[in-house]
Amino acid sequence: MPFSLAELLASSSTRPTDEPRWAVDRHPEEPWPLLEEWVRAAVDASVLAARTVTLATATTDGTPSARTVLLSDVTEDGFWFATSASGPAGRDLAENPVASLVWYAREQARQIRVTGSAVHGDADRAAAAFRARDPRSRAVTLAGRQSAPLPRDADDRIRQAEERLEREPDLVDPDWAAYLVAPAEIEFWQSRHDVGEQRLRYRREPHGWRSERLWP
């Protein structure tokens, strides 16, 4: 029998039962107040993983890849995250410094899509992001190379890294890097059972932001 999950997927729910309302026609001139409002609403409602985004990158030949990362900050410059410079995302960004991010609040049927250029942050920001990670994550990063095959002695290496961190709590992996995605475009999307999908796109122009509603 051919393998298919079509019926199973079709039976799943795609909308929550109590979506927040959004007066899409009354939006600010710039995206930042609306972005803060949505993220704050998600955090206040205990939306799961409100700090995570999906990061999409591509090599110079167009081969895409995506993964979930933690946002470390959002400023008017853009969206900050950190990862290993020698890992898959870091290598892609070194070759092709553009990226797309998707922030998704599943319980509120909201997402924010971001596309823009990606640049390295300074060493201080990378160090702060590394030290903000939990001890186990820091030890794993220090013990091996991201996405490399897992060696048989991985547990021993991690244990040694944990012991080193106890002796040197301010230790930072020199390969850890901070990245800024400076947005050229930010799109807000919400789905409601009573009005359907609502979309609002901001595009950066030489003298500010231009906004427009999009067809669902």
C-alpha atoms as a PDB file:
ATOM      1  CA  MET A   1       0.000   0.000   0.000  1.00  0.00           C
ATOM      2  CA  PRO A   2       1.432   3.441  -0.904  1.00  0.00           C
ATOM      3  CA  PHE A   3       2.463   5.464   2.109  1.00  0.00           C
ATOM      4  CA  SER A   4       0.328   8.582   2.667  1.00  0.00           C
ATOM      5  CA  LEU A   5      -0.611  10.715   5.675  1.00  0.00           C
ATOM      6  CA  ALA A   6      -3.141  12.843   3.798  1.00  0.00           C
ATOM      7  CA  GLU A   7      -6.196  11.751   5.815  1.00  0.00           C
ATOM      8  CA  LEU A   8      -4.373  12.051   9.125  1.00  0.00           C
ATOM      9  CA  LEU A   9      -3.126  15.531   8.313  1.00  0.00           C
ATOM     10  CA  ALA A  10      -6.524  16.643   7.033  1.00  0.00           C
ATOM     11  CA  SER A  11      -8.113  15.603  10.339  1.00  0.00           C
ATOM     12  CA  SER A  12      -5.855  17.863  12.406  1.00  0.00           C
ATOM     13  CA  SER A  13      -6.997  21.254  13.666  1.00  0.00           C
ATOM     14  CA  THR A  14      -5.427  24.276  11.979  1.00  0.00           C
ATOM     15  CA  ARG A  15      -6.918  27.057  14.115  1.00  0.00           C
ATOM     16  CA  PRO A  16      -7.219  27.619  17.860  1.00  0.00           C
ATOM     17  CA  THR A  17     -10.673  28.229  19.292  1.00  0.00           C
ATOM     18  CA  ASP A  18      -9.936  31.615  20.888  1.00  0.00           C
ATOM     19  CA  GLU A  19      -7.734  33.694  18.609  1.00  0.00           C
ATOM     20  CA  PRO A  20      -6.867  37.249  19.646  1.00  0.00           C
ATOM     21  CA  ARG A  21      -8.470  40.037  17.645  1.00  0.00           C
ATOM     22  CA  TRP A  22      -6.383  42.233  15.382  1.00  0.00           C
ATOM     23  CA  ALA A  23      -7.520  45.585  14.013  1.00  0.00           C
ATOM     24  CA  VAL A  24      -5.310  45.243  10.958  1.00  0.00           C
ATOM     25  CA  ASP A  25      -6.441  48.552   9.422  1.00  0.00           C
ATOM     26  CA  ARG A  26      -5.182  50.490  12.459  1.00  0.00           C
ATOM     27  CA  HIS A  27      -1.499  49.633  12.277  1.00  0.00           C
ATOM     28  CA  PRO A  28       1.566  51.731  13.151  1.00  0.00           C
ATOM     29  CA  GLU A  29       3.786  53.372  10.548  1.00  0.00           C
ATOM     30  CA  GLU A  30       6.712  51.143  11.523  1.00  0.00           C
ATOM     31  CA  PRO A  31       6.604  47.407  12.345  1.00  0.00           C
ATOM     32  CA  TRP A  32       8.331  47.545  15.739  1.00  0.00           C
ATOM     33  CA  PRO A  33       5.379  48.563  17.958  1.00  0.00           C
ATOM     34  CA  LEU A  34       3.202  45.851  16.414  1.00  0.00           C
ATOM     35  CA  LEU A  35       5.970  43.274  16.735  1.00  0.00           C
ATOM     36  CA  GLU A  36       6.430  44.094  20.414  1.00  0.00           C
ATOM     37  CA  GLU A  37       2.657  43.918  20.952  1.00  0.00           C
ATOM     38  CA  TRP A  38       2.433  40.451  19.396  1.00  0.00           C
ATOM     39  CA  VAL A  39       5.454  39.028  21.196  1.00  0.00           C
ATOM     40  CA  ARG A  40       4.315  40.498  24.525  1.00  0.00           C
ATOM     41  CA  ALA A  41       0.832  39.037  24.023  1.00  0.00           C
ATOM     42  CA  ALA A  42       2.351  35.619  23.301  1.00  0.00           C
ATOM     43  CA  VAL A  43       4.575  35.726  26.385  1.00  0.00           C
ATOM     44  CA  ASP A  44       1.723  36.937  28.608  1.00  0.00           C
ATOM     45  CA  ALA A  45      -0.473  34.102  27.313  1.00  0.00           C
ATOM     46  CA  SER A  46       2.297  31.538  27.977  1.00  0.00           C
ATOM     47  CA  VAL A  47       2.504  30.593  24.316  1.00  0.00           C
ATOM     48  CA  LEU A  48       4.921  27.697  24.005  1.00  0.00           C
ATOM     49  CA  ALA A  49       8.387  28.571  22.681  1.00  0.00           C
ATOM     50  CA  ALA A  50       7.602  32.243  22.120  1.00  0.00           C
ATOM     51  CA  ARG A  51      11.341  32.923  21.972  1.00  0.00           C
ATOM     52  CA  THR A  52      12.034  30.623  19.035  1.00  0.00           C
ATOM     53  CA  VAL A  53      12.112  31.324  15.304  1.00  0.00           C
ATOM     54  CA  THR A  54      12.681  29.154  12.277  1.00  0.00           C
ATOM     55  CA  LEU A  55      15.830  30.312  10.499  1.00  0.00           C
ATOM     56  CA  ALA A  56      16.099  29.559   6.783  1.00  0.00           C
ATOM     57  CA  THR A  57      19.368  29.940   4.892  1.00  0.00           C
ATOM     58  CA  ALA A  58      20.717  28.828   1.525  1.00  0.00           C
ATOM     59  CA  THR A  59      24.049  28.091  -0.075  1.00  0.00           C
ATOM     60  CA  THR A  60      25.245  30.074  -3.082  1.00  0.00           C
ATOM     61  CA  ASP A  61      23.888  27.359  -5.390  1.00  0.00           C
ATOM     62  CA  GLY A  62      20.430  27.745  -3.834  1.00  0.00           C
ATOM     63  CA  THR A  63      20.320  24.642  -1.605  1.00  0.00           C
ATOM     64  CA  PRO A  64      18.068  25.637   1.313  1.00  0.00           C
ATOM     65  CA  SER A  65      18.086  24.518   4.928  1.00  0.00           C
ATOM     66  CA  ALA A  66      16.079  25.491   7.984  1.00  0.00           C
ATOM     67  CA  ARG A  67      16.261  25.010  11.719  1.00  0.00           C
ATOM     68  CA  THR A  68      14.797  26.455  14.918  1.00  0.00           C
ATOM     69  CA  VAL A  69      16.954  28.922  16.864  1.00  0.00           C
ATOM     70  CA  LEU A  70      16.481  31.147  19.896  1.00  0.00           C
ATOM     71  CA  LEU A  71      16.109  34.874  19.463  1.00  0.00           C
ATOM     72  CA  SER A  72      18.512  36.650  21.787  1.00  0.00           C
ATOM     73  CA  ASP A  73      17.207  40.152  21.075  1.00  0.00           C
ATOM     74  CA  VAL A  74      15.118  42.288  18.741  1.00  0.00           C
ATOM     75  CA  THR A  75      16.081  45.920  18.200  1.00  0.00           C
ATOM     76  CA  GLU A  76      15.361  48.540  15.566  1.00  0.00           C
ATOM     77  CA  ASP A  77      18.443  47.186  13.780  1.00  0.00           C
ATOM     78  CA  GLY A  78      16.800  43.785  13.445  1.00  0.00           C
ATOM     79  CA  PHE A  79      16.683  40.276  14.853  1.00  0.00           C
ATOM     80  CA  TRP A  80      19.574  38.763  16.811  1.00  0.00           C
ATOM     81  CA  PHE A  81      20.434  35.096  17.248  1.00  0.00           C
ATOM     82  CA  ALA A  82      23.623  33.141  17.890  1.00  0.00           C
ATOM     83  CA  THR A  83      25.016  29.864  16.623  1.00  0.00           C
ATOM     84  CA  SER A  84      28.249  28.129  15.701  1.00  0.00           C
ATOM     85  CA  ALA A  85      30.055  29.934  12.885  1.00  0.00           C
ATOM     86  CA  SER A  86      31.316  26.606  11.533  1.00  0.00           C
ATOM     87  CA  GLY A  87      27.905  24.890  11.691  1.00  0.00           C
ATOM     88  CA  PRO A  88      25.483  24.592   8.773  1.00  0.00           C
ATOM     89  CA  ALA A  89      23.784  27.949   9.358  1.00  0.00           C
ATOM     90  CA  GLY A  90      27.091  29.742   9.878  1.00  0.00           C
ATOM     91  CA  ARG A  91      28.573  28.251   6.718  1.00  0.00           C
ATOM     92  CA  ASP A  92      25.506  29.203   4.676  1.00  0.00           C
ATOM     93  CA  LEU A  93      25.603  32.766   5.956  1.00  0.00           C
ATOM     94  CA  ALA A  94      29.308  33.051   5.206  1.00  0.00           C
ATOM     95  CA  GLU A  95      28.599  32.061   1.588  1.00  0.00           C
ATOM     96  CA  ASN A  96      25.257  33.777   1.143  1.00  0.00           C
ATOM     97  CA  PRO A  97      24.527  36.412   3.809  1.00  0.00           C
ATOM     98  CA  VAL A  98      20.750  36.548   3.519  1.00  0.00           C
ATOM     99  CA  ALA A  99      18.202  34.828   5.741  1.00  0.00           C
ATOM    100  CA  SER A 100      14.529  34.398   6.451  1.00  0.00           C
ATOM    101  CA  LEU A 101      12.956  34.028   9.901  1.00  0.00           C
ATOM    102  CA  VAL A 102       9.490  32.823  10.923  1.00  0.00           C
ATOM    103  CA  TRP A 103       8.160  33.489  14.421  1.00  0.00           C
ATOM    104  CA  TYR A 104       5.060  31.380  15.080  1.00  0.00           C
ATOM    105  CA  ALA A 105       2.583  31.637  17.964  1.00  0.00           C
ATOM    106  CA  ARG A 106       0.622  28.478  17.366  1.00  0.00           C
ATOM    107  CA  GLU A 107      -1.905  29.001  20.161  1.00  0.00           C
ATOM    108  CA  GLN A 108      -2.804  32.416  18.747  1.00  0.00           C
ATOM    109  CA  ALA A 109      -2.685  31.514  15.037  1.00  0.00           C
ATOM    110  CA  ARG A 110      -0.123  34.233  14.416  1.00  0.00           C
ATOM    111  CA  GLN A 111       3.162  34.352  12.577  1.00  0.00           C
ATOM    112  CA  ILE A 112       5.727  37.000  11.706  1.00  0.00           C
ATOM    113  CA  ARG A 113       7.886  36.485   8.602  1.00  0.00           C
ATOM    114  CA  VAL A 114      11.178  38.336   8.188  1.00  0.00           C
ATOM    115  CA  THR A 115      13.569  38.493   5.231  1.00  0.00           C
ATOM    116  CA  GLY A 116      16.814  40.428   5.091  1.00  0.00           C
ATOM    117  CA  SER A 117      20.580  40.505   5.086  1.00  0.00           C
ATOM    118  CA  ALA A 118      22.573  38.755   7.816  1.00  0.00           C
ATOM    119  CA  VAL A 119      25.706  40.217   9.351  1.00  0.00           C
ATOM    120  CA  HIS A 120      28.080  39.213  12.146  1.00  0.00           C
ATOM    121  CA  GLY A 121      27.695  40.896  15.493  1.00  0.00           C
ATOM    122  CA  ASP A 122      30.671  41.821  17.636  1.00  0.00           C
ATOM    123  CA  ALA A 123      32.508  39.448  19.977  1.00  0.00           C
ATOM    124  CA  ASP A 124      30.921  40.928  23.106  1.00  0.00           C
ATOM    125  CA  ARG A 125      27.407  40.155  21.883  1.00  0.00           C
ATOM    126  CA  ALA A 126      28.442  36.616  20.893  1.00  0.00           C
ATOM    127  CA  ALA A 127      30.010  36.065  24.319  1.00  0.00           C
ATOM    128  CA  ALA A 128      26.924  37.352  26.131  1.00  0.00           C
ATOM    129  CA  ALA A 129      24.689  35.063  24.073  1.00  0.00           C
ATOM    130  CA  PHE A 130      26.913  32.071  24.816  1.00  0.00           C
ATOM    131  CA  ARG A 131      27.002  32.725  28.574  1.00  0.00           C
ATOM    132  CA  ALA A 132      23.212  33.098  28.620  1.00  0.00           C
ATOM    133  CA  ARG A 133      22.797  29.469  27.522  1.00  0.00           C
ATOM    134  CA  ASP A 134      22.225  26.772  30.115  1.00  0.00           C
ATOM    135  CA  PRO A 135      25.361  24.935  31.341  1.00  0.00           C
ATOM    136  CA  ARG A 136      24.577  21.699  29.514  1.00  0.00           C
ATOM    137  CA  SER A 137      24.169  23.483  26.158  1.00  0.00           C
ATOM    138  CA  ARG A 138      27.444  25.361  26.664  1.00  0.00           C
ATOM    139  CA  ALA A 139      29.222  22.114  27.509  1.00  0.00           C
ATOM    140  CA  VAL A 140      27.858  20.344  24.430  1.00  0.00           C
ATOM    141  CA  THR A 141      29.017  23.224  22.223  1.00  0.00           C
ATOM    142  CA  LEU A 142      32.495  23.164  23.734  1.00  0.00           C
ATOM    143  CA  ALA A 143      32.778  19.380  23.509  1.00  0.00           C
ATOM    144  CA  GLY A 144      32.240  18.938  19.776  1.00  0.00           C
ATOM    145  CA  ARG A 145      31.596  20.503  16.425  1.00  0.00           C
ATOM    146  CA  GLN A 146      27.981  21.325  15.587  1.00  0.00           C
ATOM    147  CA  SER A 147      26.343  18.794  13.213  1.00  0.00           C
ATOM    148  CA  ALA A 148      29.479  16.612  13.050  1.00  0.00           C
ATOM    149  CA  PRO A 149      29.002  12.829  13.458  1.00  0.00           C
ATOM    150  CA  LEU A 150      28.585  11.930  17.136  1.00  0.00           C
ATOM    151  CA  PRO A 151      31.689  10.119  18.444  1.00  0.00           C
ATOM    152  CA  ARG A 152      31.534   7.161  20.814  1.00  0.00           C
ATOM    153  CA  ASP A 153      33.172   9.138  23.576  1.00  0.00           C
ATOM    154  CA  ALA A 154      30.680  12.025  23.333  1.00  0.00           C
ATOM    155  CA  ASP A 155      29.469  11.627  26.925  1.00  0.00           C
ATOM    156  CA  ASP A 156      33.049  11.744  28.231  1.00  0.00           C
ATOM    157  CA  ARG A 157      33.780  14.863  26.191  1.00  0.00           C
ATOM    158  CA  ILE A 158      30.659  16.599  27.482  1.00  0.00           C
ATOM    159  CA  ARG A 159      31.480  15.663  31.059  1.00  0.00           C
ATOM    160  CA  GLN A 160      34.996  17.073  30.649  1.00  0.00           C
ATOM    161  CA  ALA A 161      33.536  20.275  29.191  1.00  0.00           C
ATOM    162  CA  GLU A 162      31.140  20.585  32.135  1.00  0.00           C
ATOM    163  CA  GLU A 163      34.051  20.232  34.552  1.00  0.00           C
ATOM    164  CA  ARG A 164      35.973  22.876  32.648  1.00  0.00           C
ATOM    165  CA  LEU A 165      33.040  25.258  32.817  1.00  0.00           C
ATOM    166  CA  GLU A 166      32.874  24.795  36.569  1.00  0.00           C
ATOM    167  CA  ARG A 167      36.505  25.910  36.747  1.00  0.00           C
ATOM    168  CA  GLU A 168      36.085  28.644  34.110  1.00  0.00           C
ATOM    169  CA  PRO A 169      32.477  29.894  34.292  1.00  0.00           C
ATOM    170  CA  ASP A 170      33.142  32.793  31.897  1.00  0.00           C
ATOM    171  CA  LEU A 171      34.577  30.534  29.207  1.00  0.00           C
ATOM    172  CA  VAL A 172      33.227  31.211  25.692  1.00  0.00           C
ATOM    173  CA  ASP A 173      33.519  28.975  22.663  1.00  0.00           C
ATOM    174  CA  PRO A 174      35.600  30.976  20.135  1.00  0.00           C
ATOM    175  CA  ASP A 175      33.475  29.538  17.324  1.00  0.00           C
ATOM    176  CA  TRP A 176      30.239  30.968  18.774  1.00  0.00           C
ATOM    177  CA  ALA A 177      28.939  33.877  16.724  1.00  0.00           C
ATOM    178  CA  ALA A 178      26.125  36.394  16.970  1.00  0.00           C
ATOM    179  CA  TYR A 179      24.186  37.309  13.836  1.00  0.00           C
ATOM    180  CA  LEU A 180      21.853  40.154  13.017  1.00  0.00           C
ATOM    181  CA  VAL A 181      19.130  39.758  10.399  1.00  0.00           C
ATOM    182  CA  ALA A 182      18.485  43.306   9.217  1.00  0.00           C
ATOM    183  CA  PRO A 183      14.986  43.120   7.743  1.00  0.00           C
ATOM    184  CA  ALA A 184      14.104  44.367   4.313  1.00  0.00           C
ATOM    185  CA  GLU A 185      10.596  42.978   4.771  1.00  0.00           C
ATOM    186  CA  ILE A 186       8.432  42.013   7.771  1.00  0.00           C
ATOM    187  CA  GLU A 187       5.037  40.398   7.330  1.00  0.00           C
ATOM    188  CA  PHE A 188       2.410  39.882  10.041  1.00  0.00           C
ATOM    189  CA  TRP A 189      -0.081  37.065   9.492  1.00  0.00           C
ATOM    190  CA  GLN A 190      -3.062  35.988  11.567  1.00  0.00           C
ATOM    191  CA  SER A 191      -5.802  33.461  10.974  1.00  0.00           C
ATOM    192  CA  ARG A 192      -9.247  33.766  12.558  1.00  0.00           C
ATOM    193  CA  HIS A 193     -12.211  31.449  12.197  1.00  0.00           C
ATOM    194  CA  ASP A 194     -14.598  34.389  11.645  1.00  0.00           C
ATOM    195  CA  VAL A 195     -12.626  36.597   9.218  1.00  0.00           C
ATOM    196  CA  GLY A 196     -10.103  34.191   7.708  1.00  0.00           C
ATOM    197  CA  GLU A 197      -6.487  35.149   7.145  1.00  0.00           C
ATOM    198  CA  GLN A 198      -5.227  38.691   7.626  1.00  0.00           C
ATOM    199  CA  ARG A 199      -1.828  39.780   6.292  1.00  0.00           C
ATOM    200  CA  LEU A 200       0.127  42.997   6.626  1.00  0.00           C
ATOM    201  CA  ARG A 201       3.528  43.551   5.028  1.00  0.00           C
ATOM    202  CA  TYR A 202       6.099  46.226   5.833  1.00  0.00           C
ATOM    203  CA  ARG A 203       8.875  46.933   3.328  1.00  0.00           C
ATOM    204  CA  ARG A 204      11.908  49.042   4.162  1.00  0.00           C
ATOM    205  CA  GLU A 205      12.456  51.940   1.791  1.00  0.00           C
ATOM    206  CA  PRO A 206      15.178  54.630   1.706  1.00  0.00           C
ATOM    207  CA  HIS A 207      13.161  56.991   3.883  1.00  0.00           C
ATOM    208  CA  GLY A 208      11.253  54.608   6.138  1.00  0.00           C
ATOM    209  CA  TRP A 209       8.751  51.760   5.965  1.00  0.00           C
ATOM    210  CA  ARG A 210       5.897  51.216   3.542  1.00  0.00           C
ATOM    211  CA  SER A 211       3.002  49.018   4.650  1.00  0.00           C
ATOM    212  CA  GLU A 212       0.293  47.260   2.673  1.00  0.00           C
ATOM    213  CA  ARG A 213      -2.300  44.584   3.277  1.00  0.00           C
ATOM    214  CA  LEU A 214      -1.945  41.391   1.264  1.00  0.00           C
ATOM    215  CA  TRP A 215      -4.466  39.028  -0.270  1.00  0.00           C
ATOM    216  CA  PRO A 216      -4.758  35.893   1.922  1.00  0.00           C
END
